[in-house]
Amino acid sequence: MRILLSDAPGGPETLRLQERPTPEPGPGEVRIAVRYVGINYPDTLIIRDLYQYRPERPFAPGAELSGVVEALGPDVQDLAVGDRVAALPMWGALAEQICLPAESCHRIPDTVGDAEAAALQMTYGTALYALEERGALREGESVLVLGAGGGVGLAAVELASSLGARVIAAASDEEKLAAARERGADTGVLYPRGPLDRDGQKALSTRFRETLGTEGADIVVDTVGGDYTEPALRCTGWDGRFLIVGFPGGIAKIPANLPLLKSCDIRGVFWGAAIERDPEANQRAMARLFSLCGDGRISPRIHATYDLAEAGSAIEALNGRGVVGKVLVRI
């Protein structure tokens, strides 16, 4: 089989497409013929040894996939050859075949396509966990989403809107704001590309306040970090929840007096660790997301699809800021 391997820390240019023996499933495992792989921002970090997980090399990046079960290991009872499944191995998906525990796989309903299934798990799973489990979102609340054109940001916009929130999308260009409006955002805030000096941060905070109104945001979903975090925190409402999802813009330094003055919470969103601690909750969340997708209430926006030989370019695309929605690799 072909597999894209990271042999040493570095950027996408260090990845090599290689041939390896077809893996055989062990007890409780299935072998999946991979069809699509969802590319996410952590893929840009894990190959540089900058992510929370550091797999032993050589390894293939690629955190999420859809495919077809083609072989069963001993003691597998709940899946059959030919079943369409989605899975989240966290790495290893950029290969023609992969062996995974059967219990970690999710059957894909007939109403959901292979590309959609590969695009749903990490972005929509993170967004749903952020909004409901960490944000305790209630219908009618206001949600400010930073990085609203990215994978998690756009998913948060769509899910928050479907759950009855008033959604304010914030992004760095008009194309991203237009995509957020298509996914249910009520209004948008265009912010400049960083870095922002103090005057730039104050100007952005003013823009957020003008859009949000005097009550501020009940929930802020921060997928950007860096110079954008403090202006958004200053616009969080009383008893608000500020959700830290990621920081491609850098790790922000947060003035400790702001949560005190607003009586608001700053909450971390580490979805990967959460699903390890409670896999049954993740099974329920995935079933719910597949149902929402099958009913047409959510629909992943696919920015571009690459072939396996071009997967390094797919990862490199996320290092820029031009991606709107999701990048996929087709196997």
C-alpha atoms as a PDB file:
ATOM      1  CA  MET A   1       0.000   0.000   0.000  1.00  0.00           C
ATOM      2  CA  ARG A   2       1.008   3.657  -0.380  1.00  0.00           C
ATOM      3  CA  ILE A   3       1.443   5.785   2.726  1.00  0.00           C
ATOM      4  CA  LEU A   4       2.667   9.348   3.316  1.00  0.00           C
ATOM      5  CA  LEU A   5       5.292   9.201   6.064  1.00  0.00           C
ATOM      6  CA  SER A   6       6.994  11.685   8.355  1.00  0.00           C
ATOM      7  CA  ASP A   7      10.523  10.389   8.991  1.00  0.00           C
ATOM      8  CA  ALA A   8      11.848  13.507  10.757  1.00  0.00           C
ATOM      9  CA  PRO A   9      10.368  16.706  12.215  1.00  0.00           C
ATOM     10  CA  GLY A  10       9.663  19.356   9.605  1.00  0.00           C
ATOM     11  CA  GLY A  11       7.142  20.925   7.299  1.00  0.00           C
ATOM     12  CA  PRO A  12       5.010  19.283   4.608  1.00  0.00           C
ATOM     13  CA  GLU A  13       7.982  19.240   2.251  1.00  0.00           C
ATOM     14  CA  THR A  14       9.620  16.574   4.459  1.00  0.00           C
ATOM     15  CA  LEU A  15       6.798  14.063   3.939  1.00  0.00           C
ATOM     16  CA  ARG A  16       7.520  11.128   1.626  1.00  0.00           C
ATOM     17  CA  LEU A  17       5.088   8.893  -0.234  1.00  0.00           C
ATOM     18  CA  GLN A  18       6.308   5.335   0.318  1.00  0.00           C
ATOM     19  CA  GLU A  19       5.270   1.718  -0.166  1.00  0.00           C
ATOM     20  CA  ARG A  20       4.616  -0.434   2.892  1.00  0.00           C
ATOM     21  CA  PRO A  21       3.126  -3.910   3.396  1.00  0.00           C
ATOM     22  CA  THR A  22      -0.636  -4.023   3.715  1.00  0.00           C
ATOM     23  CA  PRO A  23      -1.420  -4.161   7.460  1.00  0.00           C
ATOM     24  CA  GLU A  24      -3.296  -7.082   8.964  1.00  0.00           C
ATOM     25  CA  PRO A  25      -5.960  -6.420  11.619  1.00  0.00           C
ATOM     26  CA  GLY A  26      -5.317  -7.757  15.107  1.00  0.00           C
ATOM     27  CA  PRO A  27      -7.871  -8.870  17.702  1.00  0.00           C
ATOM     28  CA  GLY A  28     -10.773  -6.423  17.843  1.00  0.00           C
ATOM     29  CA  GLU A  29      -9.495  -4.493  14.807  1.00  0.00           C
ATOM     30  CA  VAL A  30     -10.721  -3.909  11.282  1.00  0.00           C
ATOM     31  CA  ARG A  31      -8.764  -2.967   8.181  1.00  0.00           C
ATOM     32  CA  ILE A  32     -10.224   0.023   6.392  1.00  0.00           C
ATOM     33  CA  ALA A  33      -9.709   0.917   2.754  1.00  0.00           C
ATOM     34  CA  VAL A  34      -9.448   4.690   3.147  1.00  0.00           C
ATOM     35  CA  ARG A  35     -11.510   6.859   0.810  1.00  0.00           C
ATOM     36  CA  TYR A  36     -11.156  10.383   2.199  1.00  0.00           C
ATOM     37  CA  VAL A  37      -8.977  12.038   4.847  1.00  0.00           C
ATOM     38  CA  GLY A  38      -9.870  15.312   6.518  1.00  0.00           C
ATOM     39  CA  ILE A  39      -6.902  17.689   6.897  1.00  0.00           C
ATOM     40  CA  ASN A  40      -6.846  19.868  10.005  1.00  0.00           C
ATOM     41  CA  TYR A  41      -4.601  22.477  11.589  1.00  0.00           C
ATOM     42  CA  PRO A  42      -3.108  19.926  14.034  1.00  0.00           C
ATOM     43  CA  ASP A  43      -1.661  18.117  10.993  1.00  0.00           C
ATOM     44  CA  THR A  44       0.577  21.129  10.402  1.00  0.00           C
ATOM     45  CA  LEU A  45       1.824  20.872  14.008  1.00  0.00           C
ATOM     46  CA  ILE A  46       2.169  17.131  14.561  1.00  0.00           C
ATOM     47  CA  ILE A  47       4.704  16.716  11.748  1.00  0.00           C
ATOM     48  CA  ARG A  48       6.839  19.419  13.405  1.00  0.00           C
ATOM     49  CA  ASP A  49       6.583  17.862  16.895  1.00  0.00           C
ATOM     50  CA  LEU A  50       4.562  20.904  18.038  1.00  0.00           C
ATOM     51  CA  TYR A  51       1.273  19.154  18.842  1.00  0.00           C
ATOM     52  CA  GLN A  52       0.065  17.698  22.150  1.00  0.00           C
ATOM     53  CA  TYR A  53       0.600  14.194  20.745  1.00  0.00           C
ATOM     54  CA  ARG A  54       4.011  13.055  19.483  1.00  0.00           C
ATOM     55  CA  PRO A  55       3.744   9.689  17.753  1.00  0.00           C
ATOM     56  CA  GLU A  56       6.808   7.530  17.246  1.00  0.00           C
ATOM     57  CA  ARG A  57       8.344   7.913  13.798  1.00  0.00           C
ATOM     58  CA  PRO A  58       7.893   7.049  11.062  1.00  0.00           C
ATOM     59  CA  PHE A  59       4.203   7.890  11.095  1.00  0.00           C
ATOM     60  CA  ALA A  60       1.621   9.187   8.663  1.00  0.00           C
ATOM     61  CA  PRO A  61      -0.293  12.374   9.523  1.00  0.00           C
ATOM     62  CA  GLY A  62      -4.031  12.513   9.000  1.00  0.00           C
ATOM     63  CA  ALA A  63      -6.378  12.568  11.989  1.00  0.00           C
ATOM     64  CA  GLU A  64      -9.749  11.623  10.486  1.00  0.00           C
ATOM     65  CA  LEU A  65     -10.987   9.434   7.675  1.00  0.00           C
ATOM     66  CA  SER A  66     -13.852   7.752   5.949  1.00  0.00           C
ATOM     67  CA  GLY A  67     -13.577   4.396   4.228  1.00  0.00           C
ATOM     68  CA  VAL A  68     -14.847   0.856   3.806  1.00  0.00           C
ATOM     69  CA  VAL A  69     -14.166  -2.131   6.050  1.00  0.00           C
ATOM     70  CA  GLU A  70     -12.295  -4.702   3.970  1.00  0.00           C
ATOM     71  CA  ALA A  71     -11.025  -7.202   6.588  1.00  0.00           C
ATOM     72  CA  LEU A  72     -11.922  -8.212  10.146  1.00  0.00           C
ATOM     73  CA  GLY A  73      -9.602  -9.274  12.929  1.00  0.00           C
ATOM     74  CA  PRO A  74     -10.553 -11.869  15.520  1.00  0.00           C
ATOM     75  CA  ASP A  75     -13.419 -11.057  17.905  1.00  0.00           C
ATOM     76  CA  VAL A  76     -15.007  -8.317  15.776  1.00  0.00           C
ATOM     77  CA  GLN A  77     -18.782  -8.643  15.953  1.00  0.00           C
ATOM     78  CA  ASP A  78     -20.378  -5.248  15.357  1.00  0.00           C
ATOM     79  CA  LEU A  79     -18.921  -4.505  11.915  1.00  0.00           C
ATOM     80  CA  ALA A  80     -18.894  -6.417   8.643  1.00  0.00           C
ATOM     81  CA  VAL A  81     -16.834  -6.328   5.464  1.00  0.00           C
ATOM     82  CA  GLY A  82     -18.320  -3.671   3.205  1.00  0.00           C
ATOM     83  CA  ASP A  83     -19.507  -1.361   5.976  1.00  0.00           C
ATOM     84  CA  ARG A  84     -18.834   2.324   5.360  1.00  0.00           C
ATOM     85  CA  VAL A  85     -17.204   3.832   8.428  1.00  0.00           C
ATOM     86  CA  ALA A  86     -15.638   7.009   9.750  1.00  0.00           C
ATOM     87  CA  ALA A  87     -12.850   7.027  12.314  1.00  0.00           C
ATOM     88  CA  LEU A  88     -10.533   9.394  14.135  1.00  0.00           C
ATOM     89  CA  PRO A  89      -7.099   7.779  14.584  1.00  0.00           C
ATOM     90  CA  MET A  90      -5.468  11.214  15.305  1.00  0.00           C
ATOM     91  CA  TRP A  91      -2.633  10.201  12.945  1.00  0.00           C
ATOM     92  CA  GLY A  92      -2.020   7.495  10.352  1.00  0.00           C
ATOM     93  CA  ALA A  93      -4.930   8.230   8.013  1.00  0.00           C
ATOM     94  CA  LEU A  94      -2.883   9.357   4.999  1.00  0.00           C
ATOM     95  CA  ALA A  95      -2.531   5.817   3.711  1.00  0.00           C
ATOM     96  CA  GLU A  96      -4.450   3.558   1.381  1.00  0.00           C
ATOM     97  CA  GLN A  97      -5.254   1.198   4.253  1.00  0.00           C
ATOM     98  CA  ILE A  98      -5.244   1.390   8.032  1.00  0.00           C
ATOM     99  CA  CYS A  99      -6.096  -0.981  10.893  1.00  0.00           C
ATOM    100  CA  LEU A 100      -8.105   0.445  13.800  1.00  0.00           C
ATOM    101  CA  PRO A 101     -10.101  -0.861  16.762  1.00  0.00           C
ATOM    102  CA  ALA A 102     -13.625  -1.670  15.600  1.00  0.00           C
ATOM    103  CA  GLU A 103     -15.068   0.103  18.648  1.00  0.00           C
ATOM    104  CA  SER A 104     -13.524   3.398  17.515  1.00  0.00           C
ATOM    105  CA  CYS A 105     -15.327   3.339  14.155  1.00  0.00           C
ATOM    106  CA  HIS A 106     -18.667   4.969  13.371  1.00  0.00           C
ATOM    107  CA  ARG A 107     -20.997   3.547  10.739  1.00  0.00           C
ATOM    108  CA  ILE A 108     -21.824   6.123   8.082  1.00  0.00           C
ATOM    109  CA  PRO A 109     -25.547   6.304   7.288  1.00  0.00           C
ATOM    110  CA  ASP A 110     -26.679   6.127   3.667  1.00  0.00           C
ATOM    111  CA  THR A 111     -27.767   9.782   3.848  1.00  0.00           C
ATOM    112  CA  VAL A 112     -24.165  10.980   4.366  1.00  0.00           C
ATOM    113  CA  GLY A 113     -21.471  10.827   1.688  1.00  0.00           C
ATOM    114  CA  ASP A 114     -17.877   9.682   2.173  1.00  0.00           C
ATOM    115  CA  ALA A 115     -16.447  13.184   1.727  1.00  0.00           C
ATOM    116  CA  GLU A 116     -18.932  14.684   4.201  1.00  0.00           C
ATOM    117  CA  ALA A 117     -18.182  11.975   6.764  1.00  0.00           C
ATOM    118  CA  ALA A 118     -14.449  12.650   6.589  1.00  0.00           C
ATOM    119  CA  ALA A 119     -15.057  16.381   6.999  1.00  0.00           C
ATOM    120  CA  LEU A 120     -17.422  16.160   9.969  1.00  0.00           C
ATOM    121  CA  GLN A 121     -15.537  14.570  12.804  1.00  0.00           C
ATOM    122  CA  MET A 122     -12.822  16.890  14.070  1.00  0.00           C
ATOM    123  CA  THR A 123     -14.284  20.267  13.133  1.00  0.00           C
ATOM    124  CA  TYR A 124     -17.941  19.665  13.964  1.00  0.00           C
ATOM    125  CA  GLY A 125     -17.066  17.375  16.868  1.00  0.00           C
ATOM    126  CA  THR A 126     -14.883  20.091  18.370  1.00  0.00           C
ATOM    127  CA  ALA A 127     -17.489  22.782  17.721  1.00  0.00           C
ATOM    128  CA  LEU A 128     -20.338  20.767  19.254  1.00  0.00           C
ATOM    129  CA  TYR A 129     -18.266  19.907  22.332  1.00  0.00           C
ATOM    130  CA  ALA A 130     -17.223  23.563  22.667  1.00  0.00           C
ATOM    131  CA  LEU A 131     -20.703  25.022  22.378  1.00  0.00           C
ATOM    132  CA  GLU A 132     -22.663  22.523  24.447  1.00  0.00           C
ATOM    133  CA  GLU A 133     -20.297  20.779  26.862  1.00  0.00           C
ATOM    134  CA  ARG A 134     -17.927  23.657  27.589  1.00  0.00           C
ATOM    135  CA  GLY A 135     -20.086  26.642  26.630  1.00  0.00           C
ATOM    136  CA  ALA A 136     -23.460  25.428  27.950  1.00  0.00           C
ATOM    137  CA  LEU A 137     -25.130  27.223  25.050  1.00  0.00           C
ATOM    138  CA  ARG A 138     -28.767  28.198  25.524  1.00  0.00           C
ATOM    139  CA  GLU A 139     -31.198  29.111  22.781  1.00  0.00           C
ATOM    140  CA  GLY A 140     -31.282  32.838  22.114  1.00  0.00           C
ATOM    141  CA  GLU A 141     -27.775  33.544  23.378  1.00  0.00           C
ATOM    142  CA  SER A 142     -25.226  35.491  21.343  1.00  0.00           C
ATOM    143  CA  VAL A 143     -22.115  33.701  20.076  1.00  0.00           C
ATOM    144  CA  LEU A 144     -19.059  35.483  18.683  1.00  0.00           C
ATOM    145  CA  VAL A 145     -16.874  33.179  16.557  1.00  0.00           C
ATOM    146  CA  LEU A 146     -13.281  34.193  15.792  1.00  0.00           C
ATOM    147  CA  GLY A 147     -11.789  32.550  12.725  1.00  0.00           C
ATOM    148  CA  ALA A 148     -15.280  31.960  11.375  1.00  0.00           C
ATOM    149  CA  GLY A 149     -14.035  30.934   7.924  1.00  0.00           C
ATOM    150  CA  GLY A 150     -11.842  28.069   9.151  1.00  0.00           C
ATOM    151  CA  GLY A 151     -12.876  24.468   9.685  1.00  0.00           C
ATOM    152  CA  VAL A 152     -13.850  24.633  13.372  1.00  0.00           C
ATOM    153  CA  GLY A 153     -14.993  28.246  13.134  1.00  0.00           C
ATOM    154  CA  LEU A 154     -17.372  27.622  10.249  1.00  0.00           C
ATOM    155  CA  ALA A 155     -18.690  24.499  11.975  1.00  0.00           C
ATOM    156  CA  ALA A 156     -19.287  26.536  15.147  1.00  0.00           C
ATOM    157  CA  VAL A 157     -21.208  29.135  13.159  1.00  0.00           C
ATOM    158  CA  GLU A 158     -23.410  26.502  11.544  1.00  0.00           C
ATOM    159  CA  LEU A 159     -24.049  24.518  14.729  1.00  0.00           C
ATOM    160  CA  ALA A 160     -24.692  27.589  16.906  1.00  0.00           C
ATOM    161  CA  SER A 161     -27.182  28.876  14.353  1.00  0.00           C
ATOM    162  CA  SER A 162     -28.949  25.507  14.144  1.00  0.00           C
ATOM    163  CA  LEU A 163     -29.154  25.458  17.965  1.00  0.00           C
ATOM    164  CA  GLY A 164     -30.968  28.807  18.042  1.00  0.00           C
ATOM    165  CA  ALA A 165     -28.155  31.238  18.860  1.00  0.00           C
ATOM    166  CA  ARG A 166     -27.546  34.686  17.449  1.00  0.00           C
ATOM    167  CA  VAL A 167     -24.210  34.272  15.664  1.00  0.00           C
ATOM    168  CA  ILE A 168     -21.640  36.993  14.993  1.00  0.00           C
ATOM    169  CA  ALA A 169     -18.912  35.750  12.656  1.00  0.00           C
ATOM    170  CA  ALA A 170     -15.473  37.380  12.719  1.00  0.00           C
ATOM    171  CA  ALA A 171     -12.943  36.681   9.966  1.00  0.00           C
ATOM    172  CA  SER A 172     -10.098  38.208   8.014  1.00  0.00           C
ATOM    173  CA  ASP A 173     -11.701  38.576   4.570  1.00  0.00           C
ATOM    174  CA  GLU A 174     -15.062  39.007   2.906  1.00  0.00           C
ATOM    175  CA  GLU A 175     -15.076  35.537   1.306  1.00  0.00           C
ATOM    176  CA  LYS A 176     -14.899  33.942   4.757  1.00  0.00           C
ATOM    177  CA  LEU A 177     -17.642  36.193   6.106  1.00  0.00           C
ATOM    178  CA  ALA A 178     -19.822  35.365   3.108  1.00  0.00           C
ATOM    179  CA  ALA A 179     -19.314  31.641   3.790  1.00  0.00           C
ATOM    180  CA  ALA A 180     -20.243  32.193   7.451  1.00  0.00           C
ATOM    181  CA  ARG A 181     -23.423  34.038   6.466  1.00  0.00           C
ATOM    182  CA  GLU A 182     -24.328  31.167   4.143  1.00  0.00           C
ATOM    183  CA  ARG A 183     -23.982  28.858   7.156  1.00  0.00           C
ATOM    184  CA  GLY A 184     -26.301  30.915   9.336  1.00  0.00           C
ATOM    185  CA  ALA A 185     -24.326  33.847  10.804  1.00  0.00           C
ATOM    186  CA  ASP A 186     -26.599  36.800  11.549  1.00  0.00           C
ATOM    187  CA  THR A 187     -23.874  39.374  11.009  1.00  0.00           C
ATOM    188  CA  GLY A 188     -20.114  39.618  10.583  1.00  0.00           C
ATOM    189  CA  VAL A 189     -17.052  41.565  11.664  1.00  0.00           C
ATOM    190  CA  LEU A 190     -14.110  41.934   9.312  1.00  0.00           C
ATOM    191  CA  TYR A 191     -10.818  42.133  11.195  1.00  0.00           C
ATOM    192  CA  PRO A 192      -7.336  42.934   9.832  1.00  0.00           C
ATOM    193  CA  ARG A 193      -4.641  40.322   9.479  1.00  0.00           C
ATOM    194  CA  GLY A 194      -2.222  40.427  12.418  1.00  0.00           C
ATOM    195  CA  PRO A 195      -0.103  41.280  14.157  1.00  0.00           C
ATOM    196  CA  LEU A 196      -2.148  44.004  15.862  1.00  0.00           C
ATOM    197  CA  ASP A 197      -0.605  46.765  17.944  1.00  0.00           C
ATOM    198  CA  ARG A 198      -2.458  48.216  20.958  1.00  0.00           C
ATOM    199  CA  ASP A 199      -4.319  50.727  18.806  1.00  0.00           C
ATOM    200  CA  GLY A 200      -5.333  47.950  16.432  1.00  0.00           C
ATOM    201  CA  GLN A 201      -6.584  45.823  19.318  1.00  0.00           C
ATOM    202  CA  LYS A 202      -8.601  48.727  20.745  1.00  0.00           C
ATOM    203  CA  ALA A 203     -10.116  49.420  17.333  1.00  0.00           C
ATOM    204  CA  LEU A 204     -11.114  45.765  16.978  1.00  0.00           C
ATOM    205  CA  SER A 205     -12.632  45.724  20.458  1.00  0.00           C
ATOM    206  CA  THR A 206     -14.692  48.797  19.527  1.00  0.00           C
ATOM    207  CA  ARG A 207     -15.894  47.060  16.363  1.00  0.00           C
ATOM    208  CA  PHE A 208     -16.947  43.989  18.354  1.00  0.00           C
ATOM    209  CA  ARG A 209     -18.831  46.156  20.873  1.00  0.00           C
ATOM    210  CA  GLU A 210     -20.656  48.057  18.143  1.00  0.00           C
ATOM    211  CA  THR A 211     -21.823  44.774  16.615  1.00  0.00           C
ATOM    212  CA  LEU A 212     -22.623  42.902  19.821  1.00  0.00           C
ATOM    213  CA  GLY A 213     -24.377  45.708  21.666  1.00  0.00           C
ATOM    214  CA  THR A 214     -24.067  46.689  25.298  1.00  0.00           C
ATOM    215  CA  GLU A 215     -24.671  43.196  26.688  1.00  0.00           C
ATOM    216  CA  GLY A 216     -21.682  41.682  24.880  1.00  0.00           C
ATOM    217  CA  ALA A 217     -21.288  38.043  23.848  1.00  0.00           C
ATOM    218  CA  ASP A 218     -22.665  35.208  25.950  1.00  0.00           C
ATOM    219  CA  ILE A 219     -20.112  32.886  24.346  1.00  0.00           C
ATOM    220  CA  VAL A 220     -16.893  33.602  22.455  1.00  0.00           C
ATOM    221  CA  VAL A 221     -15.439  30.765  20.389  1.00  0.00           C
ATOM    222  CA  ASP A 222     -11.765  31.682  19.916  1.00  0.00           C
ATOM    223  CA  THR A 223     -10.110  29.543  17.252  1.00  0.00           C
ATOM    224  CA  VAL A 224      -7.418  32.166  16.513  1.00  0.00           C
ATOM    225  CA  GLY A 225      -5.685  33.381  19.684  1.00  0.00           C
ATOM    226  CA  GLY A 226      -2.793  35.833  19.525  1.00  0.00           C
ATOM    227  CA  ASP A 227      -3.645  39.518  19.286  1.00  0.00           C
ATOM    228  CA  TYR A 228      -7.339  38.768  18.723  1.00  0.00           C
ATOM    229  CA  THR A 229      -8.054  37.156  22.093  1.00  0.00           C
ATOM    230  CA  GLU A 230      -7.977  40.229  24.338  1.00  0.00           C
ATOM    231  CA  PRO A 231     -10.274  42.395  22.146  1.00  0.00           C
ATOM    232  CA  ALA A 232     -12.840  39.583  22.116  1.00  0.00           C
ATOM    233  CA  LEU A 233     -12.492  38.947  25.854  1.00  0.00           C
ATOM    234  CA  ARG A 234     -13.172  42.633  26.515  1.00  0.00           C
ATOM    235  CA  CYS A 235     -16.500  42.189  24.695  1.00  0.00           C
ATOM    236  CA  THR A 236     -17.599  39.108  26.612  1.00  0.00           C
ATOM    237  CA  GLY A 237     -20.781  39.732  28.569  1.00  0.00           C
ATOM    238  CA  TRP A 238     -21.509  39.281  32.272  1.00  0.00           C
ATOM    239  CA  ASP A 239     -21.401  35.564  33.153  1.00  0.00           C
ATOM    240  CA  GLY A 240     -20.113  34.900  29.638  1.00  0.00           C
ATOM    241  CA  ARG A 241     -18.032  31.914  28.594  1.00  0.00           C
ATOM    242  CA  PHE A 242     -14.826  32.491  26.646  1.00  0.00           C
ATOM    243  CA  LEU A 243     -13.825  29.253  24.898  1.00  0.00           C
ATOM    244  CA  ILE A 244     -10.191  28.734  23.915  1.00  0.00           C
ATOM    245  CA  VAL A 245     -10.157  26.292  21.000  1.00  0.00           C
ATOM    246  CA  GLY A 246      -6.849  26.989  19.258  1.00  0.00           C
ATOM    247  CA  PHE A 247      -4.184  29.574  18.655  1.00  0.00           C
ATOM    248  CA  PRO A 248      -2.757  29.643  15.115  1.00  0.00           C
ATOM    249  CA  GLY A 249      -2.293  33.377  15.768  1.00  0.00           C
ATOM    250  CA  GLY A 250      -0.133  32.645  18.826  1.00  0.00           C
ATOM    251  CA  ILE A 251      -0.766  32.010  22.523  1.00  0.00           C
ATOM    252  CA  ALA A 252      -2.354  35.121  23.987  1.00  0.00           C
ATOM    253  CA  LYS A 253      -1.364  36.838  27.226  1.00  0.00           C
ATOM    254  CA  ILE A 254      -4.655  37.487  28.999  1.00  0.00           C
ATOM    255  CA  PRO A 255      -5.008  40.295  31.590  1.00  0.00           C
ATOM    256  CA  ALA A 256      -6.298  38.544  34.698  1.00  0.00           C
ATOM    257  CA  ASN A 257      -8.485  41.493  35.710  1.00  0.00           C
ATOM    258  CA  LEU A 258     -10.818  41.070  32.714  1.00  0.00           C
ATOM    259  CA  PRO A 259     -12.515  37.815  33.840  1.00  0.00           C
ATOM    260  CA  LEU A 260     -12.914  39.349  37.303  1.00  0.00           C
ATOM    261  CA  LEU A 261     -14.527  42.560  36.051  1.00  0.00           C
ATOM    262  CA  LYS A 262     -16.951  40.686  33.815  1.00  0.00           C
ATOM    263  CA  SER A 263     -17.547  37.699  36.099  1.00  0.00           C
ATOM    264  CA  CYS A 264     -16.912  35.550  33.028  1.00  0.00           C
ATOM    265  CA  ASP A 265     -15.265  32.180  32.606  1.00  0.00           C
ATOM    266  CA  ILE A 266     -12.308  31.254  30.430  1.00  0.00           C
ATOM    267  CA  ARG A 267     -12.692  27.609  29.439  1.00  0.00           C
ATOM    268  CA  GLY A 268     -10.341  25.366  27.516  1.00  0.00           C
ATOM    269  CA  VAL A 269     -11.662  23.121  24.743  1.00  0.00           C
ATOM    270  CA  PHE A 270      -9.454  20.021  24.351  1.00  0.00           C
ATOM    271  CA  TRP A 271     -11.777  17.785  22.371  1.00  0.00           C
ATOM    272  CA  GLY A 272      -9.146  15.146  21.590  1.00  0.00           C
ATOM    273  CA  ALA A 273      -8.554  14.424  25.273  1.00  0.00           C
ATOM    274  CA  ALA A 274     -12.286  14.603  26.023  1.00  0.00           C
ATOM    275  CA  ILE A 275     -13.181  11.814  23.597  1.00  0.00           C
ATOM    276  CA  GLU A 276     -10.411   9.630  25.007  1.00  0.00           C
ATOM    277  CA  ARG A 277     -11.909  10.065  28.479  1.00  0.00           C
ATOM    278  CA  ASP A 278     -15.498   9.466  27.359  1.00  0.00           C
ATOM    279  CA  PRO A 279     -15.655   7.502  24.091  1.00  0.00           C
ATOM    280  CA  GLU A 280     -19.353   6.699  24.577  1.00  0.00           C
ATOM    281  CA  ALA A 281     -20.167  10.411  24.611  1.00  0.00           C
ATOM    282  CA  ASN A 282     -18.237  10.760  21.366  1.00  0.00           C
ATOM    283  CA  GLN A 283     -20.248   7.913  19.817  1.00  0.00           C
ATOM    284  CA  ARG A 284     -23.450   9.766  20.714  1.00  0.00           C
ATOM    285  CA  ALA A 285     -22.099  13.059  19.387  1.00  0.00           C
ATOM    286  CA  MET A 286     -21.085  11.487  16.071  1.00  0.00           C
ATOM    287  CA  ALA A 287     -24.480   9.837  15.663  1.00  0.00           C
ATOM    288  CA  ARG A 288     -26.071  13.230  16.259  1.00  0.00           C
ATOM    289  CA  LEU A 289     -23.807  14.986  13.758  1.00  0.00           C
ATOM    290  CA  PHE A 290     -24.481  12.345  11.099  1.00  0.00           C
ATOM    291  CA  SER A 291     -28.204  12.812  11.716  1.00  0.00           C
ATOM    292  CA  LEU A 292     -27.929  16.608  11.376  1.00  0.00           C
ATOM    293  CA  CYS A 293     -25.905  16.199   8.186  1.00  0.00           C
ATOM    294  CA  GLY A 294     -28.284  13.612   6.745  1.00  0.00           C
ATOM    295  CA  ASP A 295     -31.217  15.934   7.444  1.00  0.00           C
ATOM    296  CA  GLY A 296     -29.477  18.823   5.696  1.00  0.00           C
ATOM    297  CA  ARG A 297     -29.206  20.972   8.823  1.00  0.00           C
ATOM    298  CA  ILE A 298     -25.400  21.039   8.569  1.00  0.00           C
ATOM    299  CA  SER A 299     -23.245  20.629   5.484  1.00  0.00           C
ATOM    300  CA  PRO A 300     -19.418  20.785   5.550  1.00  0.00           C
ATOM    301  CA  ARG A 301     -18.008  23.304   3.092  1.00  0.00           C
ATOM    302  CA  ILE A 302     -15.211  21.630   1.114  1.00  0.00           C
ATOM    303  CA  HIS A 303     -12.563  24.167   0.150  1.00  0.00           C
ATOM    304  CA  ALA A 304     -10.407  21.807  -1.940  1.00  0.00           C
ATOM    305  CA  THR A 305      -9.705  18.111  -2.487  1.00  0.00           C
ATOM    306  CA  TYR A 306      -6.215  16.728  -3.162  1.00  0.00           C
ATOM    307  CA  ASP A 307      -4.922  13.305  -4.176  1.00  0.00           C
ATOM    308  CA  LEU A 308      -2.693  11.298  -1.826  1.00  0.00           C
ATOM    309  CA  ALA A 309       0.450  12.224  -3.770  1.00  0.00           C
ATOM    310  CA  GLU A 310      -0.428  15.896  -3.182  1.00  0.00           C
ATOM    311  CA  ALA A 311      -1.274  15.533   0.512  1.00  0.00           C
ATOM    312  CA  GLY A 312       1.743  17.591   1.555  1.00  0.00           C
ATOM    313  CA  SER A 313       0.274  20.490  -0.412  1.00  0.00           C
ATOM    314  CA  ALA A 314      -3.060  19.949   1.346  1.00  0.00           C
ATOM    315  CA  ILE A 315      -1.334  20.346   4.717  1.00  0.00           C
ATOM    316  CA  GLU A 316       0.639  23.345   3.469  1.00  0.00           C
ATOM    317  CA  ALA A 317      -2.621  25.036   2.437  1.00  0.00           C
ATOM    318  CA  LEU A 318      -3.595  25.245   6.114  1.00  0.00           C
ATOM    319  CA  ASN A 319      -0.372  27.084   6.949  1.00  0.00           C
ATOM    320  CA  GLY A 320      -1.748  30.036   4.996  1.00  0.00           C
ATOM    321  CA  ARG A 321      -4.996  31.814   5.807  1.00  0.00           C
ATOM    322  CA  GLY A 322      -6.797  31.364   2.522  1.00  0.00           C
ATOM    323  CA  VAL A 323      -8.698  28.170   3.319  1.00  0.00           C
ATOM    324  CA  VAL A 324     -12.452  28.595   3.754  1.00  0.00           C
ATOM    325  CA  GLY A 325     -13.963  25.469   5.276  1.00  0.00           C
ATOM    326  CA  LYS A 326     -12.395  22.039   4.939  1.00  0.00           C
ATOM    327  CA  VAL A 327      -9.500  20.537   2.993  1.00  0.00           C
ATOM    328  CA  LEU A 328      -9.735  16.845   2.047  1.00  0.00           C
ATOM    329  CA  VAL A 329      -7.411  14.234   0.575  1.00  0.00           C
ATOM    330  CA  ARG A 330      -9.017  11.647  -1.681  1.00  0.00           C
ATOM    331  CA  ILE A 331      -7.379   8.197  -1.585  1.00  0.00           C
END
